Amino acid sequence: MERCPVCRARFRDEAICHRCGVDLNPLLAIEAEAAAWEREAVTLLAAGAWIEARRATERALALRHSPLAAAARDFAGRELVAEERQRFERLLQ
C-alpha cells in the first residue's frame, strides 16, 4: 500500500493512518494474503505444477493486482497449453 485509501496520505508502515486515523489492518491483511499466494505460485511454477500455479495466481490477483502474479498466471497458462499440445501430438503419432 502506498497511500491511505481514505485520505490519500502516504503510507508510513503503520496500521493506523497518521492523517485521518483509519484502521488499515484489514487492507494490510489482504496484501499479506495476496503476497502469500504469489509465493505459493512461484513455488508451484518451480515444481511444474501449472494448473495449481495458475489457481494460486488467480487467488492472488483476486485480492490485489500485481505484475508478478499476472506474469506468473500467463506463464503457467502458456506452459499448460504447451504441455497439452505435446500430449496431443504424441497421441497423433
PDB file of N, CA and C in Angstrom:
ATOM      1  N   MET A   1       0.855  -1.161   0.000  1.00  0.00           N
ATOM      2  CA  MET A   1       0.000   0.000   0.000  1.00  0.00           C
ATOM      3  C   MET A   1       0.906   1.231   0.000  1.00  0.00           C
ATOM      4  N   GLU A   2       0.622   2.118  -0.893  1.00  0.00           N
ATOM      5  CA  GLU A   2       1.413   3.334  -0.974  1.00  0.00           C
ATOM      6  C   GLU A   2       0.738   4.523  -0.296  1.00  0.00           C
ATOM      7  N   ARG A   3      -0.613   4.518  -0.350  1.00  0.00           N
ATOM      8  CA  ARG A   3      -1.359   5.641   0.224  1.00  0.00           C
ATOM      9  C   ARG A   3      -2.589   5.138   0.965  1.00  0.00           C
ATOM     10  N   CYS A   4      -3.035   5.909   1.902  1.00  0.00           N
ATOM     11  CA  CYS A   4      -4.274   5.615   2.616  1.00  0.00           C
ATOM     12  C   CYS A   4      -5.419   5.716   1.610  1.00  0.00           C
ATOM     13  N   PRO A   5      -6.293   4.718   1.565  1.00  0.00           N
ATOM     14  CA  PRO A   5      -7.391   4.779   0.605  1.00  0.00           C
ATOM     15  C   PRO A   5      -8.469   5.800   0.971  1.00  0.00           C
ATOM     16  N   VAL A   6      -8.433   6.324   2.192  1.00  0.00           N
ATOM     17  CA  VAL A   6      -9.444   7.293   2.633  1.00  0.00           C
ATOM     18  C   VAL A   6      -8.982   8.725   2.346  1.00  0.00           C
ATOM     19  N   CYS A   7      -7.786   9.071   2.815  1.00  0.00           N
ATOM     20  CA  CYS A   7      -7.334  10.461   2.693  1.00  0.00           C
ATOM     21  C   CYS A   7      -6.158  10.646   1.738  1.00  0.00           C
ATOM     22  N   ARG A   8      -5.640   9.540   1.219  1.00  0.00           N
ATOM     23  CA  ARG A   8      -4.532   9.538   0.255  1.00  0.00           C
ATOM     24  C   ARG A   8      -3.194   9.975   0.849  1.00  0.00           C
ATOM     25  N   ALA A   9      -3.074   9.978   2.172  1.00  0.00           N
ATOM     26  CA  ALA A   9      -1.785  10.282   2.794  1.00  0.00           C
ATOM     27  C   ALA A   9      -0.815   9.150   2.492  1.00  0.00           C
ATOM     28  N   ARG A  10       0.448   9.470   2.404  1.00  0.00           N
ATOM     29  CA  ARG A  10       1.461   8.439   2.178  1.00  0.00           C
ATOM     30  C   ARG A  10       1.442   7.430   3.331  1.00  0.00           C
ATOM     31  N   PHE A  11       1.552   6.157   2.959  1.00  0.00           N
ATOM     32  CA  PHE A  11       1.558   5.085   3.956  1.00  0.00           C
ATOM     33  C   PHE A  11       2.914   5.078   4.650  1.00  0.00           C
ATOM     34  N   ARG A  12       2.896   4.995   5.968  1.00  0.00           N
ATOM     35  CA  ARG A  12       4.130   5.025   6.769  1.00  0.00           C
ATOM     36  C   ARG A  12       4.379   3.723   7.507  1.00  0.00           C
ATOM     37  N   ASP A  13       3.932   2.608   6.960  1.00  0.00           N
ATOM     38  CA  ASP A  13       4.120   1.304   7.603  1.00  0.00           C
ATOM     39  C   ASP A  13       3.501   1.239   8.996  1.00  0.00           C
ATOM     40  N   GLU A  14       2.390   1.927   9.180  1.00  0.00           N
ATOM     41  CA  GLU A  14       1.671   1.906  10.446  1.00  0.00           C
ATOM     42  C   GLU A  14       0.246   1.436  10.178  1.00  0.00           C
ATOM     43  N   ALA A  15      -0.334   0.722  11.119  1.00  0.00           N
ATOM     44  CA  ALA A  15      -1.670   0.161  10.945  1.00  0.00           C
ATOM     45  C   ALA A  15      -2.772   1.219  11.020  1.00  0.00           C
ATOM     46  N   ILE A  16      -2.465   2.366  11.554  1.00  0.00           N
ATOM     47  CA  ILE A  16      -3.424   3.471  11.646  1.00  0.00           C
ATOM     48  C   ILE A  16      -2.862   4.639  10.837  1.00  0.00           C
ATOM     49  N   CYS A  17      -3.707   5.176   9.955  1.00  0.00           N
ATOM     50  CA  CYS A  17      -3.262   6.305   9.130  1.00  0.00           C
ATOM     51  C   CYS A  17      -2.902   7.485  10.026  1.00  0.00           C
ATOM     52  N   HIS A  18      -1.735   8.058   9.792  1.00  0.00           N
ATOM     53  CA  HIS A  18      -1.278   9.181  10.612  1.00  0.00           C
ATOM     54  C   HIS A  18      -2.106  10.441  10.387  1.00  0.00           C
ATOM     55  N   ARG A  19      -2.760  10.545   9.231  1.00  0.00           N
ATOM     56  CA  ARG A  19      -3.534  11.756   8.941  1.00  0.00           C
ATOM     57  C   ARG A  19      -5.001  11.639   9.376  1.00  0.00           C
ATOM     58  N   CYS A  20      -5.691  10.588   8.919  1.00  0.00           N
ATOM     59  CA  CYS A  20      -7.150  10.517   9.165  1.00  0.00           C
ATOM     60  C   CYS A  20      -7.536   9.519  10.256  1.00  0.00           C
ATOM     61  N   GLY A  21      -6.610   8.664  10.673  1.00  0.00           N
ATOM     62  CA  GLY A  21      -6.880   7.746  11.763  1.00  0.00           C
ATOM     63  C   GLY A  21      -7.597   6.456  11.379  1.00  0.00           C
ATOM     64  N   VAL A  22      -7.780   6.205  10.090  1.00  0.00           N
ATOM     65  CA  VAL A  22      -8.467   4.982   9.667  1.00  0.00           C
ATOM     66  C   VAL A  22      -7.596   3.751   9.991  1.00  0.00           C
ATOM     67  N   ASP A  23      -8.265   2.668  10.355  1.00  0.00           N
ATOM     68  CA  ASP A  23      -7.586   1.402  10.649  1.00  0.00           C
ATOM     69  C   ASP A  23      -7.268   0.708   9.327  1.00  0.00           C
ATOM     70  N   LEU A  24      -6.007   0.526   9.046  1.00  0.00           N
ATOM     71  CA  LEU A  24      -5.554  -0.080   7.791  1.00  0.00           C
ATOM     72  C   LEU A  24      -5.294  -1.576   7.923  1.00  0.00           C
ATOM     73  N   ASN A  25      -5.517  -2.149   9.096  1.00  0.00           N
ATOM     74  CA  ASN A  25      -5.246  -3.572   9.318  1.00  0.00           C
ATOM     75  C   ASN A  25      -5.950  -4.502   8.325  1.00  0.00           C
ATOM     76  N   PRO A  26      -7.235  -4.294   8.026  1.00  0.00           N
ATOM     77  CA  PRO A  26      -7.882  -5.199   7.061  1.00  0.00           C
ATOM     78  C   PRO A  26      -7.197  -5.175   5.684  1.00  0.00           C
ATOM     79  N   LEU A  27      -6.802  -4.002   5.237  1.00  0.00           N
ATOM     80  CA  LEU A  27      -6.127  -3.901   3.942  1.00  0.00           C
ATOM     81  C   LEU A  27      -4.736  -4.518   3.986  1.00  0.00           C
ATOM     82  N   LEU A  28      -4.046  -4.320   5.084  1.00  0.00           N
ATOM     83  CA  LEU A  28      -2.714  -4.920   5.232  1.00  0.00           C
ATOM     84  C   LEU A  28      -2.813  -6.438   5.249  1.00  0.00           C
ATOM     85  N   ALA A  29      -3.866  -6.976   5.857  1.00  0.00           N
ATOM     86  CA  ALA A  29      -4.067  -8.425   5.887  1.00  0.00           C
ATOM     87  C   ALA A  29      -4.333  -8.957   4.479  1.00  0.00           C
ATOM     88  N   ILE A  30      -5.103  -8.213   3.692  1.00  0.00           N
ATOM     89  CA  ILE A  30      -5.373  -8.623   2.312  1.00  0.00           C
ATOM     90  C   ILE A  30      -4.078  -8.617   1.505  1.00  0.00           C
ATOM     91  N   GLU A  31      -3.275  -7.580   1.663  1.00  0.00           N
ATOM     92  CA  GLU A  31      -1.994  -7.528   0.953  1.00  0.00           C
ATOM     93  C   GLU A  31      -1.087  -8.687   1.359  1.00  0.00           C
ATOM     94  N   ALA A  32      -1.074  -9.028   2.626  1.00  0.00           N
ATOM     95  CA  ALA A  32      -0.239 -10.139   3.100  1.00  0.00           C
ATOM     96  C   ALA A  32      -0.721 -11.463   2.517  1.00  0.00           C
ATOM     97  N   GLU A  33      -2.033 -11.643   2.439  1.00  0.00           N
ATOM     98  CA  GLU A  33      -2.575 -12.871   1.866  1.00  0.00           C
ATOM     99  C   GLU A  33      -2.250 -12.966   0.375  1.00  0.00           C
ATOM    100  N   ALA A  34      -2.361 -11.854  -0.322  1.00  0.00           N
ATOM    101  CA  ALA A  34      -2.014 -11.844  -1.754  1.00  0.00           C
ATOM    102  C   ALA A  34      -0.542 -12.190  -1.954  1.00  0.00           C
ATOM    103  N   ALA A  35       0.319 -11.646  -1.114  1.00  0.00           N
ATOM    104  CA  ALA A  35       1.752 -11.946  -1.212  1.00  0.00           C
ATOM    105  C   ALA A  35       2.022 -13.422  -0.929  1.00  0.00           C
ATOM    106  N   ALA A  36       1.299 -14.000   0.005  1.00  0.00           N
ATOM    107  CA  ALA A  36       1.461 -15.429   0.300  1.00  0.00           C
ATOM    108  C   ALA A  36       1.047 -16.282  -0.906  1.00  0.00           C
ATOM    109  N   TRP A  37      -0.052 -15.905  -1.571  1.00  0.00           N
ATOM    110  CA  TRP A  37      -0.480 -16.642  -2.769  1.00  0.00           C
ATOM    111  C   TRP A  37       0.544 -16.488  -3.893  1.00  0.00           C
ATOM    112  N   GLU A  38       1.157 -15.309  -4.002  1.00  0.00           N
ATOM    113  CA  GLU A  38       2.209 -15.123  -5.011  1.00  0.00           C
ATOM    114  C   GLU A  38       3.393 -16.046  -4.739  1.00  0.00           C
ATOM    115  N   ARG A  39       3.813 -16.120  -3.481  1.00  0.00           N
ATOM    116  CA  ARG A  39       4.934 -17.012  -3.127  1.00  0.00           C
ATOM    117  C   ARG A  39       4.584 -18.459  -3.427  1.00  0.00           C
ATOM    118  N   GLU A  40       3.358 -18.848  -3.120  1.00  0.00           N
ATOM    119  CA  GLU A  40       2.897 -20.213  -3.400  1.00  0.00           C
ATOM    120  C   GLU A  40       2.932 -20.476  -4.902  1.00  0.00           C
ATOM    121  N   ALA A  41       2.511 -19.496  -5.688  1.00  0.00           N
ATOM    122  CA  ALA A  41       2.506 -19.652  -7.145  1.00  0.00           C
ATOM    123  C   ALA A  41       3.920 -19.846  -7.679  1.00  0.00           C
ATOM    124  N   VAL A  42       4.862 -19.087  -7.178  1.00  0.00           N
ATOM    125  CA  VAL A  42       6.251 -19.220  -7.625  1.00  0.00           C
ATOM    126  C   VAL A  42       6.793 -20.605  -7.278  1.00  0.00           C
ATOM    127  N   THR A  43       6.481 -21.088  -6.103  1.00  0.00           N
ATOM    128  CA  THR A  43       6.904 -22.434  -5.699  1.00  0.00           C
ATOM    129  C   THR A  43       6.299 -23.488  -6.626  1.00  0.00           C
ATOM    130  N   LEU A  44       5.023 -23.324  -6.943  1.00  0.00           N
ATOM    131  CA  LEU A  44       4.352 -24.275  -7.824  1.00  0.00           C
ATOM    132  C   LEU A  44       4.891 -24.203  -9.251  1.00  0.00           C
ATOM    133  N   LEU A  45       5.237 -23.014  -9.705  1.00  0.00           N
ATOM    134  CA  LEU A  45       5.845 -22.887 -11.032  1.00  0.00           C
ATOM    135  C   LEU A  45       7.172 -23.630 -11.081  1.00  0.00           C
ATOM    136  N   ALA A  46       7.953 -23.484 -10.035  1.00  0.00           N
ATOM    137  CA  ALA A  46       9.252 -24.167  -9.983  1.00  0.00           C
ATOM    138  C   ALA A  46       9.080 -25.681 -10.006  1.00  0.00           C
ATOM    139  N   ALA A  47       7.961 -26.170  -9.492  1.00  0.00           N
ATOM    140  CA  ALA A  47       7.692 -27.606  -9.465  1.00  0.00           C
ATOM    141  C   ALA A  47       7.005 -28.085 -10.741  1.00  0.00           C
ATOM    142  N   GLY A  48       6.671 -27.148 -11.624  1.00  0.00           N
ATOM    143  CA  GLY A  48       5.994 -27.536 -12.856  1.00  0.00           C
ATOM    144  C   GLY A  48       4.528 -27.862 -12.681  1.00  0.00           C
ATOM    145  N   ALA A  49       3.949 -27.406 -11.601  1.00  0.00           N
ATOM    146  CA  ALA A  49       2.525 -27.643 -11.329  1.00  0.00           C
ATOM    147  C   ALA A  49       1.731 -26.483 -11.910  1.00  0.00           C
ATOM    148  N   TRP A  50       1.533 -26.516 -13.218  1.00  0.00           N
ATOM    149  CA  TRP A  50       0.963 -25.377 -13.949  1.00  0.00           C
ATOM    150  C   TRP A  50      -0.463 -25.048 -13.518  1.00  0.00           C
ATOM    151  N   ILE A  51      -1.298 -26.043 -13.389  1.00  0.00           N
ATOM    152  CA  ILE A  51      -2.700 -25.783 -13.031  1.00  0.00           C
ATOM    153  C   ILE A  51      -2.788 -25.172 -11.633  1.00  0.00           C
ATOM    154  N   GLU A  52      -2.085 -25.753 -10.688  1.00  0.00           N
ATOM    155  CA  GLU A  52      -2.112 -25.251  -9.319  1.00  0.00           C
ATOM    156  C   GLU A  52      -1.501 -23.849  -9.238  1.00  0.00           C
ATOM    157  N   ALA A  53      -0.434 -23.612 -10.003  1.00  0.00           N
ATOM    158  CA  ALA A  53       0.193 -22.289 -10.014  1.00  0.00           C
ATOM    159  C   ALA A  53      -0.762 -21.252 -10.574  1.00  0.00           C
ATOM    160  N   ARG A  54      -1.478 -21.636 -11.624  1.00  0.00           N
ATOM    161  CA  ARG A  54      -2.444 -20.696 -12.210  1.00  0.00           C
ATOM    162  C   ARG A  54      -3.556 -20.383 -11.210  1.00  0.00           C
ATOM    163  N   ARG A  55      -4.015 -21.379 -10.487  1.00  0.00           N
ATOM    164  CA  ARG A  55      -5.049 -21.140  -9.456  1.00  0.00           C
ATOM    165  C   ARG A  55      -4.533 -20.210  -8.364  1.00  0.00           C
ATOM    166  N   ALA A  56      -3.292 -20.435  -7.945  1.00  0.00           N
ATOM    167  CA  ALA A  56      -2.719 -19.588  -6.893  1.00  0.00           C
ATOM    168  C   ALA A  56      -2.582 -18.143  -7.369  1.00  0.00           C
ATOM    169  N   THR A  57      -2.186 -17.957  -8.628  1.00  0.00           N
ATOM    170  CA  THR A  57      -2.066 -16.587  -9.136  1.00  0.00           C
ATOM    171  C   THR A  57      -3.440 -15.924  -9.266  1.00  0.00           C
ATOM    172  N   GLU A  58      -4.437 -16.705  -9.646  1.00  0.00           N
ATOM    173  CA  GLU A  58      -5.794 -16.146  -9.729  1.00  0.00           C
ATOM    174  C   GLU A  58      -6.275 -15.682  -8.353  1.00  0.00           C
ATOM    175  N   ARG A  59      -5.942 -16.455  -7.325  1.00  0.00           N
ATOM    176  CA  ARG A  59      -6.339 -16.061  -5.966  1.00  0.00           C
ATOM    177  C   ARG A  59      -5.609 -14.789  -5.545  1.00  0.00           C
ATOM    178  N   ALA A  60      -4.311 -14.713  -5.883  1.00  0.00           N
ATOM    179  CA  ALA A  60      -3.546 -13.503  -5.553  1.00  0.00           C
ATOM    180  C   ALA A  60      -4.115 -12.291  -6.282  1.00  0.00           C
ATOM    181  N   LEU A  61      -4.432 -12.463  -7.559  1.00  0.00           N
ATOM    182  CA  LEU A  61      -4.945 -11.350  -8.346  1.00  0.00           C
ATOM    183  C   LEU A  61      -6.351 -10.935  -7.919  1.00  0.00           C
ATOM    184  N   ALA A  62      -7.113 -11.855  -7.365  1.00  0.00           N
ATOM    185  CA  ALA A  62      -8.441 -11.505  -6.867  1.00  0.00           C
ATOM    186  C   ALA A  62      -8.341 -10.577  -5.650  1.00  0.00           C
ATOM    187  N   LEU A  63      -7.216 -10.655  -4.960  1.00  0.00           N
ATOM    188  CA  LEU A  63      -7.023  -9.822  -3.777  1.00  0.00           C
ATOM    189  C   LEU A  63      -6.342  -8.499  -4.096  1.00  0.00           C
ATOM    190  N   ARG A  64      -5.375  -8.556  -5.041  1.00  0.00           N
ATOM    191  CA  ARG A  64      -4.591  -7.352  -5.355  1.00  0.00           C
ATOM    192  C   ARG A  64      -3.904  -7.554  -6.692  1.00  0.00           C
ATOM    193  N   HIS A  65      -3.946  -6.532  -7.548  1.00  0.00           N
ATOM    194  CA  HIS A  65      -3.233  -6.644  -8.817  1.00  0.00           C
ATOM    195  C   HIS A  65      -1.742  -6.574  -8.558  1.00  0.00           C
ATOM    196  N   SER A  66      -1.016  -7.433  -9.252  1.00  0.00           N
ATOM    197  CA  SER A  66       0.433  -7.466  -9.129  1.00  0.00           C
ATOM    198  C   SER A  66       1.011  -7.880 -10.474  1.00  0.00           C
ATOM    199  N   PRO A  67       1.993  -7.151 -10.977  1.00  0.00           N
ATOM    200  CA  PRO A  67       2.630  -7.559 -12.231  1.00  0.00           C
ATOM    201  C   PRO A  67       3.251  -8.956 -12.125  1.00  0.00           C
ATOM    202  N   LEU A  68       3.807  -9.295 -10.958  1.00  0.00           N
ATOM    203  CA  LEU A  68       4.381 -10.624 -10.772  1.00  0.00           C
ATOM    204  C   LEU A  68       3.319 -11.706 -10.888  1.00  0.00           C
ATOM    205  N   ALA A  69       2.206 -11.534 -10.209  1.00  0.00           N
ATOM    206  CA  ALA A  69       1.142 -12.537 -10.259  1.00  0.00           C
ATOM    207  C   ALA A  69       0.569 -12.650 -11.663  1.00  0.00           C
ATOM    208  N   ALA A  70       0.399 -11.532 -12.346  1.00  0.00           N
ATOM    209  CA  ALA A  70      -0.133 -11.569 -13.712  1.00  0.00           C
ATOM    210  C   ALA A  70       0.828 -12.295 -14.645  1.00  0.00           C
ATOM    211  N   ALA A  71       2.117 -12.021 -14.514  1.00  0.00           N
ATOM    212  CA  ALA A  71       3.110 -12.688 -15.356  1.00  0.00           C
ATOM    213  C   ALA A  71       3.173 -14.182 -15.037  1.00  0.00           C
ATOM    214  N   ALA A  72       3.094 -14.529 -13.770  1.00  0.00           N
ATOM    215  CA  ALA A  72       3.111 -15.946 -13.377  1.00  0.00           C
ATOM    216  C   ALA A  72       1.881 -16.669 -13.902  1.00  0.00           C
ATOM    217  N   ARG A  73       0.723 -16.019 -13.847  1.00  0.00           N
ATOM    218  CA  ARG A  73      -0.503 -16.617 -14.375  1.00  0.00           C
ATOM    219  C   ARG A  73      -0.373 -16.877 -15.875  1.00  0.00           C
ATOM    220  N   ASP A  74       0.130 -15.886 -16.598  1.00  0.00           N
ATOM    221  CA  ASP A  74       0.285 -16.036 -18.043  1.00  0.00           C
ATOM    222  C   ASP A  74       1.305 -17.117 -18.387  1.00  0.00           C
ATOM    223  N   PHE A  75       2.409 -17.158 -17.641  1.00  0.00           N
ATOM    224  CA  PHE A  75       3.436 -18.176 -17.878  1.00  0.00           C
ATOM    225  C   PHE A  75       2.874 -19.572 -17.640  1.00  0.00           C
ATOM    226  N   ALA A  76       2.168 -19.739 -16.527  1.00  0.00           N
ATOM    227  CA  ALA A  76       1.589 -21.051 -16.219  1.00  0.00           C
ATOM    228  C   ALA A  76       0.607 -21.465 -17.303  1.00  0.00           C
ATOM    229  N   GLY A  77      -0.171 -20.520 -17.790  1.00  0.00           N
ATOM    230  CA  GLY A  77      -1.116 -20.823 -18.862  1.00  0.00           C
ATOM    231  C   GLY A  77      -0.419 -21.263 -20.135  1.00  0.00           C
ATOM    232  N   ARG A  78       0.646 -20.557 -20.509  1.00  0.00           N
ATOM    233  CA  ARG A  78       1.399 -20.933 -21.717  1.00  0.00           C
ATOM    234  C   ARG A  78       2.042 -22.305 -21.563  1.00  0.00           C
ATOM    235  N   GLU A  79       2.593 -22.580 -20.399  1.00  0.00           N
ATOM    236  CA  GLU A  79       3.239 -23.873 -20.174  1.00  0.00           C
ATOM    237  C   GLU A  79       2.207 -25.002 -20.195  1.00  0.00           C
ATOM    238  N   LEU A  80       1.044 -24.742 -19.649  1.00  0.00           N
ATOM    239  CA  LEU A  80      -0.018 -25.741 -19.650  1.00  0.00           C
ATOM    240  C   LEU A  80      -0.464 -26.050 -21.077  1.00  0.00           C
ATOM    241  N   VAL A  81      -0.624 -25.019 -21.884  1.00  0.00           N
ATOM    242  CA  VAL A  81      -1.017 -25.221 -23.283  1.00  0.00           C
ATOM    243  C   VAL A  81       0.066 -25.981 -24.031  1.00  0.00           C
ATOM    244  N   ALA A  82       1.326 -25.626 -23.819  1.00  0.00           N
ATOM    245  CA  ALA A  82       2.432 -26.313 -24.494  1.00  0.00           C
ATOM    246  C   ALA A  82       2.480 -27.787 -24.097  1.00  0.00           C
ATOM    247  N   GLU A  83       2.270 -28.065 -22.827  1.00  0.00           N
ATOM    248  CA  GLU A  83       2.275 -29.447 -22.345  1.00  0.00           C
ATOM    249  C   GLU A  83       1.132 -30.246 -22.971  1.00  0.00           C
ATOM    250  N   GLU A  84      -0.032 -29.653 -23.040  1.00  0.00           N
ATOM    251  CA  GLU A  84      -1.185 -30.330 -23.644  1.00  0.00           C
ATOM    252  C   GLU A  84      -0.980 -30.538 -25.141  1.00  0.00           C
ATOM    253  N   ARG A  85      -0.356 -29.569 -25.807  1.00  0.00           N
ATOM    254  CA  ARG A  85      -0.070 -29.705 -27.233  1.00  0.00           C
ATOM    255  C   ARG A  85       0.868 -30.872 -27.476  1.00  0.00           C
ATOM    256  N   GLN A  86       1.879 -31.002 -26.643  1.00  0.00           N
ATOM    257  CA  GLN A  86       2.823 -32.117 -26.780  1.00  0.00           C
ATOM    258  C   GLN A  86       2.122 -33.451 -26.563  1.00  0.00           C
ATOM    259  N   ARG A  87       1.248 -33.534 -25.584  1.00  0.00           N
ATOM    260  CA  ARG A  87       0.489 -34.768 -25.360  1.00  0.00           C
ATOM    261  C   ARG A  87      -0.362 -35.115 -26.573  1.00  0.00           C
ATOM    262  N   PHE A  88      -1.023 -34.140 -27.129  1.00  0.00           N
ATOM    263  CA  PHE A  88      -1.869 -34.344 -28.289  1.00  0.00           C
ATOM    264  C   PHE A  88      -1.031 -34.811 -29.488  1.00  0.00           C
ATOM    265  N   GLU A  89       0.114 -34.190 -29.687  1.00  0.00           N
ATOM    266  CA  GLU A  89       0.985 -34.597 -30.807  1.00  0.00           C
ATOM    267  C   GLU A  89       1.466 -36.035 -30.640  1.00  0.00           C
ATOM    268  N   ARG A  90       1.773 -36.432 -29.411  1.00  0.00           N
ATOM    269  CA  ARG A  90       2.197 -37.820 -29.163  1.00  0.00           C
ATOM    270  C   ARG A  90       1.071 -38.792 -29.482  1.00  0.00           C
ATOM    271  N   LEU A  91      -0.153 -38.398 -29.173  1.00  0.00           N
ATOM    272  CA  LEU A  91      -1.313 -39.263 -29.467  1.00  0.00           C
ATOM    273  C   LEU A  91      -1.531 -39.413 -30.967  1.00  0.00           C
ATOM    274  N   LEU A  92      -1.192 -38.414 -31.732  1.00  0.00           N
ATOM    275  CA  LEU A  92      -1.385 -38.475 -33.172  1.00  0.00           C
ATOM    276  C   LEU A  92      -0.308 -39.302 -33.889  1.00  0.00           C
ATOM    277  N   GLN A  93       0.764 -39.582 -33.227  1.00  0.00           N
ATOM    278  CA  GLN A  93       1.856 -40.338 -33.873  1.00  0.00           C
ATOM    279  C   GLN A  93       1.567 -41.805 -33.955  1.00  0.00           C
TER     280      GLN A  93
END
